[in-house]
Amino acid sequence: MSWGPFDLTGRSAVVTGAAMGIGFGIASRFREAGADVVIADIDATAADRAIERLGEIAGAGRMVAVRADVSDPASGKAAITAAVDNFGRVDILVNNAGIYPFSMLADLTPELITRILSVNVAGVMLMTQAAAAVMSTSGGGVVVNIASMDAMHPSFPGLSTYGASKGAVVAMTKHHALELAPYKIRVNAIAPGGIWTEGAAASSAGGGLSEEERGAIEVAMIAKTPLGRFGTPDDIAKVALFLASSAADYMTGETVLVDGGVLLS
C-alpha cells in the first residue's frame, strides 16, 4: 500500500499522553504510515502496555516507551532525547497530554487551576521548546497540538479552566507557528469535539457526577452533534496524520475543528 503524501517512513514522532485514547490512536496511525514513535506518558506501566497493544496492530514503525510528565521540563526533554537516541532524529511532536477535571466555578480551587494550567498550557510550551531546539538544527519538523472545541465554545458547565487552557493552546499554536517558521517548523492544532475515550470516561466518573448526570450529558452531546455520534480517537488520529504529513506542507498556525458539526448548531 502506498501512503503517497501521507507517508511518514523514515520520520520519528513523539506523542505525549500516548498510552491510551486519542494519543494511542495517533501513535497507531503514525506507525501504520511508517513513522517510528515514542510513546510518552506519565503512566510508565500504561505506556509499556501500549507498546504491546501497538505490536498487535499492523505497522512498520519502531516504538519505544518513556515516562514523561509534560509539566516537568527535564521530563519533557527526556522524551525528545529518547527519540534522538533510539531513532536518530525527531521530526514530529504531538502535544496530546492533557487533563480535564470537572469543577464548577464556585468549587474551583487555586490548586486545581494551577494543576490544569501546568499540564495543558506549560506542558505544551515546554514540550514544544524541547522539540524545537532539536528540529531547528536538523532541517525542521512539525508540531501538532491537541486543543478542544471548548476553546471556542463551552460544551457544558464545569470546564471553564479546561476551556481557558485550550484557548491558550490555540493562541500558542499561532504564536509558535510564526516564531518557528524560519526554522521550517510547522505548528498546527486540532480542536476535537466530543470524543469517547478511556480518559473521558474516567474524568466524568471522578468528577462528582452521578451515573444519571453523566448519561444526560452524553445524550445532550449526541443530540447537538449533526453527525449523530461521539467521535472516536481514530477520527482525530487521521487528521493528525494529515497535519504531520507532507500533505499539509503549506499549513501552519491553523486549528482544525473536528467536532461532528457541533458548532454548526
Protein backbone atom coordinates (compact mmCIF):
# COMPACT_ATOMS: atom_id res chain seq x y z
CA MET A 1 0.00 0.00 0.00
CA SER A 2 1.31 3.43 -0.95
CA TRP A 3 0.67 6.25 1.51
CA GLY A 4 1.59 8.93 -1.03
CA PRO A 5 1.84 12.36 0.61
CA PHE A 6 0.77 10.82 3.93
CA ASP A 7 3.81 8.53 4.09
CA LEU A 8 5.84 9.01 7.30
CA THR A 9 8.51 6.41 6.55
CA GLY A 10 11.88 7.43 7.96
CA ARG A 11 10.38 10.00 10.29
CA SER A 12 10.34 9.98 14.07
CA ALA A 13 7.47 11.18 16.25
CA VAL A 14 6.97 11.88 19.94
CA VAL A 15 3.35 11.60 21.07
CA THR A 16 2.54 12.69 24.63
CA GLY A 17 -0.30 11.06 26.54
CA ALA A 18 0.02 8.19 24.08
CA ALA A 19 -0.79 5.27 26.36
CA MET A 20 -4.50 5.44 25.60
CA GLY A 21 -7.28 7.39 23.95
CA ILE A 22 -6.51 9.99 21.31
CA GLY A 23 -2.76 9.73 21.86
CA PHE A 24 -2.79 5.98 21.35
CA GLY A 25 -4.88 6.40 18.21
CA ILE A 26 -2.41 8.94 16.82
CA ALA A 27 0.59 6.74 17.64
CA SER A 28 -1.09 3.82 15.91
CA ARG A 29 -1.83 5.75 12.71
CA PHE A 30 1.65 7.27 12.63
CA ARG A 31 3.25 3.86 12.99
CA GLU A 32 0.96 2.45 10.30
CA ALA A 33 2.17 5.25 7.99
CA GLY A 34 5.77 4.23 8.67
CA ALA A 35 6.90 6.54 11.47
CA ASP A 36 8.98 5.50 14.45
CA VAL A 37 7.10 6.56 17.59
CA VAL A 38 7.98 7.46 21.17
CA ILE A 39 5.04 6.58 23.42
CA ALA A 40 5.41 9.27 26.09
CA ASP A 41 3.06 9.06 29.05
CA ILE A 42 3.06 9.92 32.74
CA ASP A 43 1.97 6.33 33.44
CA ALA A 44 5.02 4.23 32.57
CA THR A 45 3.17 0.93 33.01
CA ALA A 46 0.39 2.05 30.68
CA ALA A 47 2.99 3.19 28.14
CA ASP A 48 4.58 -0.26 28.19
CA ARG A 49 1.16 -1.85 27.70
CA ALA A 50 0.53 0.49 24.78
CA ILE A 51 3.69 -0.82 23.11
CA GLU A 52 2.33 -4.36 23.46
CA ARG A 53 -1.05 -3.33 22.02
CA LEU A 54 0.56 -1.48 19.12
CA GLY A 55 2.64 -4.56 18.37
CA GLU A 56 -0.61 -6.38 17.59
CA ILE A 57 -1.62 -3.72 15.04
CA ALA A 58 -0.18 -3.55 11.53
CA GLY A 59 2.61 -1.01 11.24
CA ALA A 60 6.23 -0.81 10.17
CA GLY A 61 7.44 1.86 12.59
CA ARG A 62 9.62 1.13 15.58
CA MET A 63 8.43 2.00 19.09
CA VAL A 64 9.82 2.95 22.46
CA ALA A 65 8.01 3.85 25.68
CA VAL A 66 9.15 6.59 28.03
CA ARG A 67 7.65 8.06 31.17
CA ALA A 68 7.01 11.76 30.65
CA ASP A 69 5.42 14.36 32.91
CA VAL A 70 4.97 17.22 30.45
CA SER A 71 4.77 19.79 33.25
CA ASP A 72 8.38 18.91 34.21
CA PRO A 73 10.94 20.49 31.82
CA ALA A 74 13.50 17.75 32.43
CA SER A 75 10.95 15.02 31.76
CA GLY A 76 9.85 16.63 28.50
CA LYS A 77 13.43 16.95 27.29
CA ALA A 78 13.97 13.28 28.13
CA ALA A 79 11.12 12.29 25.81
CA ILE A 80 12.69 14.23 22.95
CA THR A 81 16.10 12.76 23.77
CA ALA A 82 14.55 9.27 23.66
CA ALA A 83 13.53 9.87 20.04
CA VAL A 84 17.02 11.05 19.08
CA ASP A 85 18.77 8.25 20.99
CA ASN A 86 16.55 5.47 19.63
CA PHE A 87 15.68 6.72 16.15
CA GLY A 88 18.40 9.26 15.38
CA ARG A 89 16.05 12.21 14.95
CA VAL A 90 12.78 13.87 15.91
CA ASP A 91 10.53 15.16 13.13
CA ILE A 92 7.10 15.31 14.73
CA LEU A 93 5.78 16.27 18.15
CA VAL A 94 2.16 15.74 19.12
CA ASN A 95 1.19 17.65 22.26
CA ASN A 96 -1.72 15.46 23.27
CA ALA A 97 -1.25 15.04 27.03
CA GLY A 98 -3.86 16.96 28.98
CA ILE A 99 -6.23 16.80 31.93
CA TYR A 100 -9.84 17.91 32.20
CA PRO A 101 -11.23 17.73 35.73
CA PHE A 102 -14.79 18.98 36.13
CA SER A 103 -15.27 21.83 38.59
CA MET A 104 -17.96 24.44 38.78
CA LEU A 105 -16.65 27.97 39.31
CA ALA A 106 -17.93 28.08 42.90
CA ASP A 107 -15.90 24.98 43.76
CA LEU A 108 -12.73 25.85 41.87
CA THR A 109 -9.53 25.98 43.94
CA PRO A 110 -6.19 27.66 43.19
CA GLU A 111 -4.56 24.24 43.36
CA LEU A 112 -6.81 22.83 40.64
CA ILE A 113 -6.27 25.88 38.43
CA THR A 114 -2.51 25.51 38.77
CA ARG A 115 -2.67 21.78 38.09
CA ILE A 116 -4.68 22.17 34.88
CA LEU A 117 -2.59 25.04 33.54
CA SER A 118 0.72 23.35 34.38
CA VAL A 119 -0.18 20.35 32.21
CA ASN A 120 -2.37 21.85 29.49
CA VAL A 121 -0.51 25.13 28.95
CA ALA A 122 3.00 24.93 30.41
CA GLY A 123 3.30 21.32 29.22
CA VAL A 124 2.66 22.32 25.61
CA MET A 125 5.15 25.18 25.83
CA LEU A 126 7.87 23.09 27.44
CA MET A 127 7.50 20.15 25.06
CA THR A 128 7.47 22.44 22.03
CA GLN A 129 10.54 24.26 23.33
CA ALA A 130 12.43 20.98 23.75
CA ALA A 131 11.39 19.64 20.33
CA ALA A 132 12.09 22.89 18.51
CA ALA A 133 15.61 23.01 19.93
CA VAL A 134 16.34 19.77 18.06
CA MET A 135 14.19 20.35 14.96
CA SER A 136 15.68 23.80 14.34
CA THR A 137 19.15 22.29 13.88
CA SER A 138 18.06 19.33 11.74
CA GLY A 139 16.04 20.80 8.90
CA GLY A 140 12.69 21.47 10.55
CA GLY A 141 9.72 19.48 11.71
CA VAL A 142 6.06 19.50 12.66
CA VAL A 143 4.19 20.19 15.90
CA VAL A 144 0.56 19.13 16.26
CA ASN A 145 -1.25 20.46 19.34
CA ILE A 146 -4.46 18.93 20.63
CA ALA A 147 -6.78 21.77 21.67
CA SER A 148 -10.56 21.43 22.10
CA MET A 149 -13.80 22.85 20.80
CA ASP A 150 -14.15 24.22 24.35
CA ALA A 151 -11.54 26.79 23.33
CA MET A 152 -14.20 28.22 21.00
CA HIS A 153 -17.49 27.43 22.69
CA PRO A 154 -18.38 25.79 26.03
CA SER A 155 -19.60 22.23 25.69
CA PHE A 156 -21.22 22.19 29.14
CA PRO A 157 -20.71 23.79 32.59
CA GLY A 158 -17.79 22.83 34.81
CA LEU A 159 -14.98 23.13 32.29
CA SER A 160 -14.08 26.83 32.47
CA THR A 161 -10.44 26.30 33.43
CA TYR A 162 -10.06 23.49 30.90
CA GLY A 163 -11.61 25.68 28.21
CA ALA A 164 -9.30 28.55 29.12
CA SER A 165 -6.30 26.24 28.92
CA LYS A 166 -7.31 25.04 25.47
CA GLY A 167 -7.88 28.62 24.35
CA ALA A 168 -4.27 29.17 25.30
CA VAL A 169 -3.28 26.19 23.15
CA VAL A 170 -5.00 27.77 20.13
CA ALA A 171 -3.15 31.04 20.79
CA MET A 172 0.18 29.27 21.33
CA THR A 173 -0.28 27.43 18.05
CA LYS A 174 -0.38 30.73 16.18
CA HIS A 175 2.47 32.33 18.10
CA HIS A 176 4.72 29.29 17.86
CA ALA A 177 3.93 28.88 14.15
CA LEU A 178 5.08 32.43 13.49
CA GLU A 179 8.18 32.15 15.65
CA LEU A 180 9.29 28.76 14.34
CA ALA A 181 8.50 29.21 10.63
CA PRO A 182 12.03 30.48 9.82
CA TYR A 183 13.33 27.11 11.07
CA LYS A 184 10.93 25.20 8.78
CA ILE A 185 8.88 24.01 11.74
CA ARG A 186 5.14 23.95 11.12
CA VAL A 187 2.74 24.22 14.06
CA ASN A 188 -0.96 23.38 13.79
CA ALA A 189 -3.68 22.24 16.16
CA ILE A 190 -6.75 20.05 16.24
CA ALA A 191 -9.83 21.03 18.26
CA PRO A 192 -11.75 17.82 18.96
CA GLY A 193 -15.40 17.80 19.89
CA GLY A 194 -16.91 15.03 21.99
CA ILE A 195 -14.52 12.07 21.74
CA TRP A 196 -15.24 8.95 23.73
CA THR A 197 -12.01 7.73 25.33
CA GLU A 198 -10.92 5.90 28.46
CA GLY A 199 -9.79 9.23 29.90
CA ALA A 200 -13.13 10.89 29.24
CA ALA A 201 -14.93 8.06 30.98
CA ALA A 202 -12.62 8.23 34.00
CA SER A 203 -12.87 12.02 34.17
CA SER A 204 -16.65 12.02 34.16
CA ALA A 205 -16.76 9.20 36.70
CA GLY A 206 -14.40 11.08 39.01
CA GLY A 207 -15.95 14.48 38.52
CA GLY A 208 -18.63 14.17 41.18
CA LEU A 209 -21.34 13.39 38.63
CA SER A 210 -23.91 10.69 39.19
CA GLU A 211 -24.46 7.97 36.60
CA GLU A 212 -27.72 9.70 35.67
CA GLU A 213 -25.97 13.06 35.21
CA ARG A 214 -23.24 11.51 33.08
CA GLY A 215 -25.85 9.80 30.95
CA ALA A 216 -27.73 13.05 30.50
CA ILE A 217 -24.55 14.80 29.31
CA GLU A 218 -23.89 12.02 26.79
CA VAL A 219 -27.43 12.21 25.41
CA ALA A 220 -27.25 16.00 25.19
CA MET A 221 -23.88 15.91 23.40
CA ILE A 222 -25.09 13.44 20.79
CA ALA A 223 -28.34 15.37 20.33
CA LYS A 224 -26.47 18.54 19.37
CA THR A 225 -24.00 16.75 17.09
CA PRO A 226 -25.28 16.84 13.49
CA LEU A 227 -23.36 13.66 12.60
CA GLY A 228 -25.25 11.94 15.42
CA ARG A 229 -22.45 10.24 17.34
CA PHE A 230 -19.45 10.73 19.59
CA GLY A 231 -16.12 10.92 17.84
CA THR A 232 -13.50 8.20 18.18
CA PRO A 233 -9.76 8.57 18.78
CA ASP A 234 -9.20 7.49 15.18
CA ASP A 235 -11.29 10.44 13.94
CA ILE A 236 -8.64 12.70 15.47
CA ALA A 237 -5.70 10.45 14.58
CA LYS A 238 -6.42 10.65 10.85
CA VAL A 239 -6.44 14.46 10.97
CA ALA A 240 -3.19 14.42 12.98
CA LEU A 241 -1.65 12.20 10.30
CA PHE A 242 -2.67 14.72 7.64
CA LEU A 243 -1.19 17.64 9.57
CA ALA A 244 2.05 15.76 10.28
CA SER A 245 2.50 14.69 6.67
CA SER A 246 3.69 16.46 3.54
CA ALA A 247 0.03 16.77 2.53
CA ALA A 248 -0.11 19.77 4.89
CA ASP A 249 3.23 21.30 3.92
CA TYR A 250 1.69 24.74 3.29
CA MET A 251 -0.33 24.86 6.51
CA THR A 252 0.87 26.46 9.73
CA GLY A 253 -0.77 28.30 12.60
CA GLU A 254 -4.18 26.75 11.94
CA THR A 255 -6.62 24.99 14.27
CA VAL A 256 -8.75 22.31 12.62
CA LEU A 257 -12.13 21.79 14.27
CA VAL A 258 -13.15 18.11 14.34
CA ASP A 259 -16.45 18.10 16.21
CA GLY A 260 -19.01 16.27 14.10
CA GLY A 261 -20.63 19.61 13.32
CA VAL A 262 -21.48 20.62 16.90
CA LEU A 263 -20.59 24.27 16.42
CA LEU A 264 -22.86 24.47 13.39
CA SER A 265 -25.88 24.23 15.66
